Amino acid sequence: MRISWREVIKQYFSKPSKFHSIGIELGDAELHLNVIQRKSGKFEWVKQHSLPMQDWAKHLAAYVEQNKLARTPCYVALGLNKYQLFQIDKPDVEEQEVAKALKWQVKEQLIGTDEHVLDYYDHPDAIGGKEKVNVVAVSRPQISAIIKGILKADLKLVTISIEELATSELLPTNDDAILTLFQEKGGQINLNIIKQGKLFFSRRLKGYENLPSFSLEEFQMGMGDTLSVEIQRSMDYFESQLRQAPVRSIVVYLNSPIQQQLAKIIKDLTFMPVEVMALPLNSPEINQTISLASLGAALSETELGNGATQ
């Protein structure tokens, strides 16, 4: 991909944005964004919006221009279906050689014919006495399109992350392990276990994409039991295989108009403290279908983010 020198110079020598950050999630059908502004030393969540993924770069450029967001630092989070994620043994090579070694270890597992860009983050603890890494694979054409689209919109691209890490930013750092159940509109439930600001465990739970359409009675008649079993399995793995102290609480933010009632059912079935997540900032625009990934991305380099991506 080629970016003209004119665009590069424009990025670095133009007047800074009055906004602190913009977080963008690239989902399946929509691009979601959240904007953070800093006023008098305090962060304010000032905008949230969704744009069609079809011709997203054109729509984003228009939105940035209309809302005077040019040159705002931009943090991108890829939605769950935009990348492949593998956990493997960390190669026994020098640190600077790890990325190259990973390419050959995951080559046979990759789905699709595109060339892929690989990155990784270390697992916080050894598993079975072996160091592990989580490898993220994204098609090179997709990464090129993202970089080009963000720069064309006159935003300052800082990082490209993934949904699991971006949503981890929304919890305060805690020495106790917390299990989270987060769900974007129309998506799978993303189950994470976070401890001391670090992502220890992550799973994607399928079959809940239509959760908003289920009544409380329907959830009580089977779906709640199924979900509680998945939660228990995840907590058992965290304790037995990762040799960690038990999870102490569960935090949910589900795509359902009755999530308070669902939280109570999960509490009754798992015998665990369960609460609906309190979003870190108030905004007059908050709605139930807020993109947690784009909000977490926008907060990733503020004192409100817990630093899980570091």
Protein backbone atom coordinates (compact mmCIF):
# COMPACT_ATOMS: atom_id res chain seq x y z
CA MET A 1 0.00 0.00 0.00
CA ARG A 2 1.28 3.47 -0.86
CA ILE A 3 0.54 6.64 1.08
CA SER A 4 1.53 9.89 -0.58
CA TRP A 5 4.08 12.17 1.08
CA ARG A 6 1.44 14.89 1.02
CA GLU A 7 -0.80 12.79 3.30
CA VAL A 8 2.06 11.97 5.66
CA ILE A 9 3.12 15.60 5.96
CA LYS A 10 -0.50 16.65 6.48
CA GLN A 11 -0.79 14.19 9.40
CA TYR A 12 2.24 15.50 11.28
CA PHE A 13 2.25 19.21 10.63
CA SER A 14 -1.42 20.12 10.88
CA LYS A 15 -3.07 21.73 13.88
CA PRO A 16 -3.78 19.17 16.66
CA SER A 17 -7.33 17.99 17.22
CA LYS A 18 -9.32 19.32 20.16
CA PHE A 19 -10.41 15.72 20.84
CA HIS A 20 -8.33 13.27 22.86
CA SER A 21 -9.08 10.07 20.97
CA ILE A 22 -11.46 8.24 18.70
CA GLY A 23 -12.02 4.50 19.08
CA ILE A 24 -13.25 2.60 16.04
CA GLU A 25 -14.58 -0.95 15.88
CA LEU A 26 -14.79 -2.58 12.46
CA GLY A 27 -17.71 -4.99 12.78
CA ASP A 28 -19.56 -7.18 10.28
CA ALA A 29 -22.29 -4.81 9.13
CA GLU A 30 -21.33 -1.55 10.81
CA LEU A 31 -18.38 0.56 11.85
CA HIS A 32 -18.81 1.82 15.41
CA LEU A 33 -17.00 4.80 16.85
CA ASN A 34 -16.67 6.59 20.17
CA VAL A 35 -14.98 9.91 20.78
CA ILE A 36 -13.28 11.08 23.98
CA GLN A 37 -12.50 14.71 24.77
CA ARG A 38 -10.41 16.11 27.61
CA LYS A 39 -11.67 19.29 29.24
CA SER A 40 -10.15 20.90 32.33
CA GLY A 41 -8.14 17.77 32.99
CA LYS A 42 -11.17 15.47 32.86
CA PHE A 43 -12.14 13.00 30.16
CA GLU A 44 -15.59 13.24 28.62
CA TRP A 45 -17.29 10.74 26.35
CA VAL A 46 -18.77 13.10 23.78
CA LYS A 47 -19.84 11.06 20.76
CA GLN A 48 -20.91 7.59 19.72
CA HIS A 49 -22.08 6.68 16.25
CA SER A 50 -22.38 3.81 13.77
CA LEU A 51 -21.69 3.85 10.03
CA PRO A 52 -22.32 1.23 7.32
CA MET A 53 -19.39 -1.09 6.65
CA GLN A 54 -20.15 -0.89 2.93
CA ASP A 55 -17.84 1.91 1.72
CA TRP A 56 -16.89 2.58 5.33
CA ALA A 57 -13.86 4.70 4.45
CA LYS A 58 -16.02 7.15 2.49
CA HIS A 59 -18.60 7.37 5.29
CA LEU A 60 -15.88 7.80 7.93
CA ALA A 61 -14.18 10.60 6.02
CA ALA A 62 -17.49 12.45 5.73
CA TYR A 63 -18.26 11.98 9.44
CA VAL A 64 -14.80 13.21 10.48
CA GLU A 65 -15.18 16.32 8.34
CA GLN A 66 -18.72 17.07 9.55
CA ASN A 67 -17.75 16.70 13.22
CA LYS A 68 -14.35 18.42 12.99
CA LEU A 69 -12.51 15.29 14.15
CA ALA A 70 -9.53 15.67 11.79
CA ARG A 71 -6.12 14.72 13.23
CA THR A 72 -7.64 13.01 16.26
CA PRO A 73 -5.53 10.05 17.52
CA CYS A 74 -7.34 6.91 16.36
CA TYR A 75 -7.39 3.49 18.02
CA VAL A 76 -8.88 0.68 15.94
CA ALA A 77 -10.36 -2.54 17.34
CA LEU A 78 -11.17 -5.39 14.99
CA GLY A 79 -14.50 -7.14 15.53
CA LEU A 80 -14.44 -10.87 16.35
CA ASN A 81 -14.89 -12.00 12.74
CA LYS A 82 -12.11 -9.83 11.35
CA TYR A 83 -9.16 -11.91 12.56
CA GLN A 84 -8.00 -15.36 13.60
CA LEU A 85 -6.64 -16.00 17.08
CA PHE A 86 -4.43 -18.90 18.15
CA GLN A 87 -2.73 -19.79 21.42
CA ILE A 88 0.51 -21.72 20.98
CA ASP A 89 3.77 -22.45 22.79
CA LYS A 90 6.14 -19.52 22.66
CA PRO A 91 9.03 -20.35 20.30
CA ASP A 92 12.35 -20.94 22.05
CA VAL A 93 14.19 -18.22 20.16
CA GLU A 94 15.50 -14.73 20.83
CA GLU A 95 12.72 -12.21 21.46
CA GLN A 96 13.36 -10.38 18.20
CA GLU A 97 12.97 -13.67 16.31
CA VAL A 98 9.63 -14.69 17.86
CA ALA A 99 7.41 -13.07 15.22
CA LYS A 100 9.25 -14.80 12.39
CA ALA A 101 9.08 -18.20 14.12
CA LEU A 102 5.35 -17.82 14.76
CA LYS A 103 4.67 -17.46 11.05
CA TRP A 104 5.72 -21.05 10.42
CA GLN A 105 3.97 -22.46 13.49
CA VAL A 106 0.51 -21.15 12.57
CA LYS A 107 0.83 -21.39 8.79
CA GLU A 108 -1.15 -24.62 8.51
CA GLN A 109 -3.92 -23.37 10.80
CA LEU A 110 -4.71 -20.21 8.88
CA ILE A 111 -8.04 -20.05 7.08
CA GLY A 112 -8.24 -18.29 3.73
CA THR A 113 -5.95 -17.77 0.77
CA ASP A 114 -4.85 -14.19 1.52
CA GLU A 115 -1.40 -13.41 2.81
CA HIS A 116 -1.69 -12.67 6.54
CA VAL A 117 -0.11 -10.15 8.88
CA LEU A 118 0.77 -11.71 12.24
CA ASP A 119 1.23 -10.16 15.65
CA TYR A 120 1.20 -11.63 19.14
CA TYR A 121 0.88 -10.86 22.82
CA ASP A 122 2.27 -12.93 25.66
CA HIS A 123 0.02 -14.94 27.92
CA PRO A 124 0.38 -13.57 31.47
CA ASP A 125 1.41 -16.93 32.95
CA ALA A 126 2.88 -20.26 31.89
CA ILE A 127 0.47 -23.13 31.17
CA GLY A 128 1.66 -26.61 32.05
CA GLY A 129 5.13 -25.21 32.58
CA LYS A 130 5.30 -23.70 29.09
CA GLU A 131 5.20 -20.06 28.08
CA LYS A 132 2.33 -19.31 25.71
CA VAL A 133 1.62 -16.57 23.20
CA ASN A 134 -1.62 -15.52 21.58
CA VAL A 135 -1.15 -15.02 17.86
CA VAL A 136 -3.42 -12.68 15.91
CA ALA A 137 -3.66 -13.17 12.15
CA VAL A 138 -5.29 -10.61 9.85
CA SER A 139 -5.31 -10.68 6.07
CA ARG A 140 -2.80 -8.25 4.60
CA PRO A 141 -5.33 -6.70 2.16
CA GLN A 142 -7.65 -5.96 5.09
CA ILE A 143 -4.88 -4.31 7.13
CA SER A 144 -3.82 -2.25 4.12
CA ALA A 145 -7.41 -1.10 3.57
CA ILE A 146 -7.76 -0.11 7.23
CA ILE A 147 -4.57 1.94 7.27
CA LYS A 148 -5.45 3.65 4.02
CA GLY A 149 -9.04 4.37 5.12
CA ILE A 150 -8.01 5.86 8.48
CA LEU A 151 -5.35 8.09 6.95
CA LYS A 152 -7.66 9.18 4.13
CA ALA A 153 -10.17 10.27 6.80
CA ASP A 154 -7.41 12.52 8.22
CA LEU A 155 -7.19 10.62 11.51
CA LYS A 156 -3.87 9.79 13.23
CA LEU A 157 -3.70 6.00 13.44
CA VAL A 158 -2.06 4.89 16.71
CA THR A 159 -2.87 1.20 17.15
CA ILE A 160 -4.87 -1.66 15.65
CA SER A 161 -6.03 -4.07 18.36
CA ILE A 162 -8.66 -6.81 18.75
CA GLU A 163 -11.98 -7.00 20.53
CA GLU A 164 -10.80 -9.16 23.44
CA LEU A 165 -8.06 -6.70 24.39
CA ALA A 166 -10.07 -3.56 23.71
CA THR A 167 -12.99 -4.59 25.93
CA SER A 168 -10.55 -5.55 28.70
CA GLU A 169 -9.72 -1.85 28.97
CA LEU A 170 -13.17 -1.13 30.41
CA LEU A 171 -12.54 -2.77 33.79
CA PRO A 172 -10.50 -1.21 36.60
CA THR A 173 -7.37 -3.13 37.58
CA ASN A 174 -8.17 -5.65 40.32
CA ASP A 175 -6.06 -8.28 42.08
CA ASP A 176 -9.03 -10.66 42.03
CA ALA A 177 -9.98 -12.48 38.83
CA ILE A 178 -13.13 -11.18 37.12
CA LEU A 179 -15.06 -13.05 34.45
CA THR A 180 -16.75 -10.83 31.88
CA LEU A 181 -19.55 -11.58 29.43
CA PHE A 182 -19.61 -8.86 26.79
CA GLN A 183 -21.68 -8.84 23.63
CA GLU A 184 -21.87 -6.52 20.65
CA LYS A 185 -25.08 -6.08 18.66
CA GLY A 186 -25.78 -9.26 16.69
CA GLY A 187 -22.54 -10.89 17.82
CA GLN A 188 -21.32 -13.80 19.88
CA ILE A 189 -20.78 -13.47 23.62
CA ASN A 190 -17.14 -12.74 24.36
CA LEU A 191 -16.12 -14.42 27.66
CA ASN A 192 -12.92 -13.08 29.20
CA ILE A 193 -11.18 -13.65 32.53
CA ILE A 194 -9.13 -10.64 33.59
CA LYS A 195 -6.79 -10.34 36.56
CA GLN A 196 -4.54 -7.44 37.51
CA GLY A 197 -5.42 -5.73 34.24
CA LYS A 198 -4.23 -8.71 32.18
CA LEU A 199 -6.25 -10.98 29.91
CA PHE A 200 -5.73 -14.55 31.15
CA PHE A 201 -8.45 -16.39 29.28
CA SER A 202 -10.86 -15.75 26.43
CA ARG A 203 -13.62 -17.69 24.67
CA ARG A 204 -16.31 -16.93 22.13
CA LEU A 205 -19.73 -18.35 22.93
CA LYS A 206 -21.86 -19.04 19.87
CA GLY A 207 -25.63 -19.40 19.80
CA TYR A 208 -26.50 -16.15 21.56
CA GLU A 209 -26.53 -13.84 18.54
CA ASN A 210 -30.33 -13.44 18.82
CA LEU A 211 -30.33 -12.84 22.57
CA PRO A 212 -32.34 -9.56 22.32
CA SER A 213 -35.29 -11.48 20.87
CA PHE A 214 -35.51 -13.93 23.79
CA SER A 215 -37.97 -13.27 26.57
CA LEU A 216 -37.11 -13.75 30.22
CA GLU A 217 -39.16 -16.96 30.26
CA GLU A 218 -37.28 -18.38 27.27
CA PHE A 219 -33.96 -17.62 28.91
CA GLN A 220 -35.14 -19.32 32.09
CA MET A 221 -36.21 -22.43 30.17
CA GLY A 222 -32.77 -23.56 29.04
CA MET A 223 -30.54 -20.88 27.64
CA GLY A 224 -29.58 -19.67 31.11
CA ASP A 225 -28.57 -23.20 32.14
CA THR A 226 -26.46 -23.63 29.00
CA LEU A 227 -24.69 -20.32 29.57
CA SER A 228 -24.02 -21.13 33.23
CA VAL A 229 -22.40 -24.43 32.20
CA GLU A 230 -20.05 -22.57 29.84
CA ILE A 231 -19.20 -20.11 32.60
CA GLN A 232 -18.43 -22.92 35.04
CA ARG A 233 -16.25 -24.75 32.51
CA SER A 234 -14.26 -21.59 31.92
CA MET A 235 -13.76 -20.97 35.63
CA ASP A 236 -12.71 -24.60 36.17
CA TYR A 237 -10.11 -24.32 33.40
CA PHE A 238 -8.82 -21.07 34.88
CA GLU A 239 -8.30 -22.73 38.26
CA SER A 240 -7.12 -26.22 37.26
CA GLN A 241 -5.10 -25.62 34.09
CA LEU A 242 -3.85 -22.09 34.70
CA ARG A 243 -3.46 -22.77 38.43
CA GLN A 244 -5.05 -19.49 39.42
CA ALA A 245 -7.13 -18.51 42.44
CA PRO A 246 -10.88 -18.76 41.78
CA VAL A 247 -12.82 -16.11 39.91
CA ARG A 248 -14.43 -13.80 42.46
CA SER A 249 -17.13 -12.07 40.44
CA ILE A 250 -18.84 -11.83 37.05
CA VAL A 251 -19.49 -8.64 35.09
CA VAL A 252 -21.91 -8.63 32.16
CA TYR A 253 -22.89 -6.23 29.41
CA LEU A 254 -25.19 -8.11 27.08
CA ASN A 255 -27.16 -7.06 24.04
CA SER A 256 -30.55 -7.49 25.69
CA PRO A 257 -33.22 -5.11 26.99
CA ILE A 258 -33.57 -7.32 30.07
CA GLN A 259 -29.92 -7.70 30.98
CA GLN A 260 -30.53 -6.80 34.65
CA GLN A 261 -32.87 -9.79 34.91
CA LEU A 262 -30.41 -11.97 32.99
CA ALA A 263 -27.66 -10.95 35.41
CA LYS A 264 -29.81 -12.13 38.31
CA ILE A 265 -30.47 -15.48 36.63
CA ILE A 266 -26.74 -15.97 36.01
CA LYS A 267 -26.11 -15.11 39.65
CA ASP A 268 -28.66 -17.67 40.85
CA LEU A 269 -27.26 -20.39 38.55
CA THR A 270 -23.55 -19.85 39.19
CA PHE A 271 -23.74 -18.80 42.87
CA MET A 272 -21.40 -15.94 42.01
CA PRO A 273 -21.70 -12.17 42.48
CA VAL A 274 -22.92 -10.80 39.14
CA GLU A 275 -23.37 -7.19 38.11
CA VAL A 276 -24.04 -5.24 34.95
CA MET A 277 -20.94 -3.27 34.05
CA ALA A 278 -20.99 0.40 34.90
CA LEU A 279 -19.58 2.25 31.88
CA PRO A 280 -16.52 4.33 32.84
CA LEU A 281 -17.88 7.65 31.58
CA ASN A 282 -21.33 9.19 31.39
CA SER A 283 -22.69 10.47 28.11
CA PRO A 284 -26.06 11.87 27.04
CA GLU A 285 -25.84 9.62 23.98
CA ILE A 286 -25.46 6.25 25.75
CA ASN A 287 -27.66 3.48 24.43
CA GLN A 288 -27.94 -0.28 24.94
CA THR A 289 -26.15 -1.12 21.70
CA ILE A 290 -22.98 0.81 22.45
CA SER A 291 -19.83 -0.73 20.96
CA LEU A 292 -17.72 -1.77 23.93
CA ALA A 293 -14.73 -2.52 21.72
CA SER A 294 -14.59 0.97 20.23
CA LEU A 295 -15.09 2.60 23.65
CA GLY A 296 -12.33 0.46 25.17
CA ALA A 297 -10.05 1.31 22.26
CA ALA A 298 -10.70 5.04 22.73
CA LEU A 299 -9.82 4.74 26.44
CA SER A 300 -6.74 2.55 25.99
CA GLU A 301 -4.21 5.29 26.72
CA THR A 302 -6.05 7.14 29.46
CA GLU A 303 -6.01 6.54 33.19
CA LEU A 304 -9.49 5.08 32.73
CA GLY A 305 -8.16 2.18 30.66
CA ASN A 306 -6.63 -0.64 32.68
CA GLY A 307 -3.68 -1.21 30.37
CA ALA A 308 -4.55 -4.76 29.36
CA THR A 309 -3.05 -4.23 25.94
CA GLN A 310 0.34 -3.27 27.24
